[in-house]
Amino acid sequence: MKRNLLILRGLLVSAALLGFSAIAMAADEVNPNEHSADEVVRWIHFVIVAGILFWLCKKILPPYIRSNADRISAAITKATAIKAEADKQLKEAAAKLTRLEQEIEQFRQQAQKDTAAELERLRGMTKIELEKVTAAAKVEIDAAEHAARVELKALAAKLAMDRAESLVSQQMTPAVQESMINSFVQSLQGRPN
C-alpha cells in the first residue's frame, strides 16, 4: 500500500512538471519567428519528461491498476459468496419458519384432539363414578330400609306384646285364670304319657 502511494505521488509530480513546462513554453512563444537554442532545449526537456511519464505510466501503472482490479475482483467474489451464503441461510430460515408454522398447527390440532379425548375420558369416568355412587347409595338405602323394617317390626312386636300384655292384664281376672289352669290340667290328663 505504501509503495502504491509513492508511485502515485511520483506520477503526480511528473504530471505537474509536464504541465509547468507546457505553460513555460506557451509563455515563451510570444514571438513565433524566433527559434532559439532555448526552445530546442525546452522541447528536448519536454520529450524527456513526457518519455519518463510514459515509461512510468506503462511500467508502474498497469501492475498497480491490475493489483487494484484484482483486490476489487476478490472483494466482489467474496461479497458474492457471502451474499449467496446469506441467501441460502435466508431460504433455510424461511423453510424452517414455514415448517415451524406447520408444526405449531399440528401441535394445536393434536392438543385439541387430546383435550377432546381427555374430556370424553373424564365424562366416562364421571359417569362410571356416578353409577358406582348411585349403586352404593341404593345399597345403603336398601340396608337402611331393611334395618328400619327390622326395627319397625321389633317395635311393632314390642308394642303388640305390650298391648297384649295390657289387654291380658285387664281381662285376666282370678276366675279366668282358674278356668285356664283347669282347662290346661284337663288337657294334660287326657294325653297319654
Protein backbone atom coordinates (compact mmCIF):
# COMPACT_ATOMS: atom_id res chain seq x y z
CA MET A 1 0.00 0.00 0.00
CA LYS A 2 2.88 2.34 0.87
CA ARG A 3 4.64 1.50 -2.38
CA ASN A 4 1.49 2.26 -4.36
CA LEU A 5 1.21 5.62 -2.60
CA LEU A 6 4.81 6.50 -3.52
CA ILE A 7 4.19 5.56 -7.15
CA LEU A 8 1.06 7.67 -7.23
CA ARG A 9 2.95 10.66 -5.79
CA GLY A 10 5.71 10.24 -8.37
CA LEU A 11 3.14 10.22 -11.14
CA LEU A 12 1.52 13.37 -9.79
CA VAL A 13 4.87 15.19 -9.52
CA SER A 14 5.75 14.16 -13.08
CA ALA A 15 2.39 15.35 -14.38
CA ALA A 16 2.88 18.66 -12.55
CA LEU A 17 6.35 19.11 -14.09
CA LEU A 18 4.97 18.36 -17.54
CA GLY A 19 2.20 20.88 -17.03
CA PHE A 20 4.59 23.58 -15.81
CA SER A 21 6.93 23.03 -18.75
CA ALA A 22 3.98 23.31 -21.16
CA ILE A 23 2.95 26.59 -19.51
CA ALA A 24 6.52 27.89 -19.68
CA MET A 25 6.73 27.04 -23.34
CA ALA A 26 3.47 28.79 -24.09
CA ALA A 27 4.68 31.90 -22.27
CA ASP A 28 7.97 31.98 -24.24
CA GLU A 29 6.23 31.75 -27.55
CA VAL A 30 5.43 35.37 -27.68
CA ASN A 31 7.40 35.73 -30.88
CA PRO A 32 6.85 32.75 -33.14
CA ASN A 33 9.64 33.71 -35.56
CA GLU A 34 12.44 33.26 -33.02
CA HIS A 35 13.74 29.71 -32.82
CA SER A 36 16.49 29.72 -30.44
CA ALA A 37 18.57 27.13 -28.67
CA ASP A 38 16.44 27.63 -25.57
CA GLU A 39 13.43 26.46 -27.41
CA VAL A 40 15.17 23.31 -28.61
CA VAL A 41 16.36 22.57 -25.05
CA ARG A 42 12.83 23.06 -23.82
CA TRP A 43 11.48 20.67 -26.41
CA ILE A 44 14.11 18.12 -25.52
CA HIS A 45 13.27 18.64 -21.82
CA PHE A 46 9.60 18.21 -22.67
CA VAL A 47 10.25 14.99 -24.61
CA ILE A 48 12.40 13.61 -21.75
CA VAL A 49 9.73 14.41 -19.12
CA ALA A 50 6.98 13.05 -21.37
CA GLY A 51 9.04 9.88 -22.01
CA ILE A 52 9.67 9.40 -18.29
CA LEU A 53 5.97 9.90 -17.61
CA PHE A 54 5.06 7.48 -20.40
CA TRP A 55 7.58 4.92 -19.09
CA LEU A 56 6.27 5.33 -15.53
CA CYS A 57 2.69 5.01 -16.70
CA LYS A 58 3.49 1.95 -18.80
CA LYS A 59 5.77 0.23 -16.27
CA ILE A 60 4.25 1.05 -12.90
CA LEU A 61 0.64 1.99 -13.52
CA PRO A 62 -0.59 -1.30 -15.14
CA PRO A 63 0.57 -3.53 -12.24
CA TYR A 64 -0.94 -1.04 -9.78
CA ILE A 65 -4.20 -0.98 -11.70
CA ARG A 66 -4.09 -4.79 -12.08
CA SER A 67 -3.49 -5.32 -8.37
CA ASN A 68 -6.25 -2.84 -7.55
CA ALA A 69 -8.56 -4.61 -10.02
CA ASP A 70 -7.59 -7.96 -8.51
CA ARG A 71 -8.41 -6.67 -5.00
CA ILE A 72 -11.72 -5.30 -6.24
CA SER A 73 -12.45 -8.56 -8.10
CA ALA A 74 -11.57 -10.59 -4.99
CA ALA A 75 -13.78 -8.35 -2.87
CA ILE A 76 -16.62 -8.75 -5.38
CA THR A 77 -16.13 -12.55 -5.44
CA LYS A 78 -16.06 -12.65 -1.65
CA ALA A 79 -19.14 -10.42 -1.43
CA THR A 80 -20.92 -12.64 -3.99
CA ALA A 81 -20.06 -15.75 -1.96
CA ILE A 82 -21.22 -14.06 1.24
CA LYS A 83 -24.43 -12.93 -0.48
CA ALA A 84 -25.03 -16.45 -1.81
CA GLU A 85 -24.48 -17.86 1.69
CA ALA A 86 -26.80 -15.24 3.17
CA ASP A 87 -29.44 -16.05 0.53
CA LYS A 88 -29.05 -19.76 1.33
CA GLN A 89 -29.44 -19.07 5.06
CA LEU A 90 -32.44 -16.86 4.34
CA LYS A 91 -34.09 -19.64 2.30
CA GLU A 92 -33.33 -22.15 5.06
CA ALA A 93 -34.75 -19.79 7.68
CA ALA A 94 -37.88 -19.25 5.58
CA ALA A 95 -38.27 -23.02 5.13
CA LYS A 96 -37.78 -23.56 8.88
CA LEU A 97 -40.31 -20.84 9.61
CA THR A 98 -42.82 -22.49 7.28
CA ARG A 99 -42.17 -25.89 8.87
CA LEU A 100 -42.40 -24.30 12.32
CA GLU A 101 -45.78 -22.81 11.49
CA GLN A 102 -46.94 -26.21 10.20
CA GLU A 103 -45.63 -27.94 13.33
CA ILE A 104 -47.35 -25.37 15.55
CA GLU A 105 -50.62 -26.01 13.69
CA GLN A 106 -50.13 -29.78 14.07
CA PHE A 107 -49.42 -29.33 17.81
CA ARG A 108 -52.53 -27.17 18.12
CA GLN A 109 -54.69 -29.77 16.36
CA GLN A 110 -53.18 -32.59 18.41
CA ALA A 111 -53.77 -30.62 21.61
CA GLN A 112 -57.41 -30.10 20.62
CA LYS A 113 -57.79 -33.83 19.91
CA ASP A 114 -56.08 -34.72 23.19
CA THR A 115 -58.27 -32.26 25.07
CA ALA A 116 -61.44 -33.70 23.48
CA ALA A 117 -60.28 -37.26 24.23
CA GLU A 118 -59.42 -36.33 27.83
CA LEU A 119 -62.80 -34.62 28.20
CA GLU A 120 -64.56 -37.75 26.93
CA ARG A 121 -62.46 -39.93 29.22
CA LEU A 122 -63.33 -37.72 32.19
CA ARG A 123 -67.01 -37.79 31.24
CA GLY A 124 -66.87 -41.59 31.04
CA MET A 125 -65.09 -41.80 34.39
CA THR A 126 -67.59 -39.36 35.91
CA LYS A 127 -70.46 -41.47 34.57
CA ILE A 128 -68.90 -44.66 35.97
CA GLU A 129 -68.25 -42.99 39.33
CA LEU A 130 -71.81 -41.63 39.36
CA GLU A 131 -73.13 -45.13 38.67
CA LYS A 132 -70.93 -46.51 41.48
CA VAL A 133 -72.10 -43.80 43.87
CA THR A 134 -75.72 -44.41 42.82
CA ALA A 135 -75.31 -48.18 43.32
CA ALA A 136 -73.61 -47.65 46.69
CA ALA A 137 -76.34 -45.20 47.73
CA LYS A 138 -79.01 -47.70 46.64
CA VAL A 139 -77.32 -50.48 48.62
CA GLU A 140 -77.03 -48.17 51.61
CA ILE A 141 -80.67 -47.07 51.25
CA ASP A 142 -81.75 -50.73 50.94
CA ALA A 143 -79.71 -51.60 54.05
CA ALA A 144 -81.14 -48.64 55.93
CA GLU A 145 -84.65 -49.60 54.75
CA HIS A 146 -84.11 -53.21 55.86
CA ALA A 147 -82.75 -52.05 59.22
CA ALA A 148 -85.69 -49.70 59.56
CA ARG A 149 -88.15 -52.53 58.73
CA VAL A 150 -86.47 -54.84 61.22
CA GLU A 151 -86.54 -52.10 63.82
CA LEU A 152 -90.13 -51.31 62.90
CA LYS A 153 -91.11 -55.00 63.20
CA ALA A 154 -89.34 -55.21 66.54
CA LEU A 155 -91.10 -52.07 67.68
CA ALA A 156 -94.44 -53.35 66.34
CA ALA A 157 -93.86 -56.68 68.08
CA LYS A 158 -92.96 -54.93 71.33
CA LEU A 159 -95.98 -52.65 71.02
CA ALA A 160 -98.16 -55.66 70.21
CA MET A 161 -96.71 -57.50 73.19
CA ASP A 162 -97.19 -54.53 75.42
CA ARG A 163 -100.76 -54.12 74.17
CA ALA A 164 -101.46 -57.80 74.51
CA GLU A 165 -99.97 -57.77 77.98
CA SER A 166 -102.01 -54.77 78.84
CA LEU A 167 -105.19 -56.43 77.42
CA VAL A 168 -104.41 -59.71 79.12
CA SER A 169 -103.74 -57.98 82.42
CA GLN A 170 -107.04 -56.07 82.10
CA GLN A 171 -109.09 -59.11 81.13
CA MET A 172 -107.31 -61.56 83.32
CA THR A 173 -109.30 -61.97 86.40
CA PRO A 174 -108.76 -64.61 89.05
CA ALA A 175 -111.77 -66.56 87.74
CA VAL A 176 -110.44 -66.57 84.15
CA GLN A 177 -107.06 -67.67 85.43
CA GLU A 178 -108.59 -70.54 87.35
CA SER A 179 -110.60 -71.66 84.35
CA MET A 180 -107.47 -71.57 82.13
CA ILE A 181 -105.48 -73.62 84.62
CA ASN A 182 -108.29 -76.17 84.91
CA SER A 183 -108.56 -76.46 81.16
CA PHE A 184 -104.78 -76.96 80.90
CA VAL A 185 -104.77 -79.62 83.56
CA GLN A 186 -107.64 -81.48 81.91
CA SER A 187 -105.84 -81.43 78.58
CA LEU A 188 -102.82 -82.91 80.25
CA GLN A 189 -104.82 -85.67 81.87
CA GLY A 190 -106.33 -86.79 78.62
CA ARG A 191 -102.96 -87.25 76.99
CA PRO A 192 -101.05 -90.44 77.02
CA ASN A 193 -97.72 -90.08 78.67
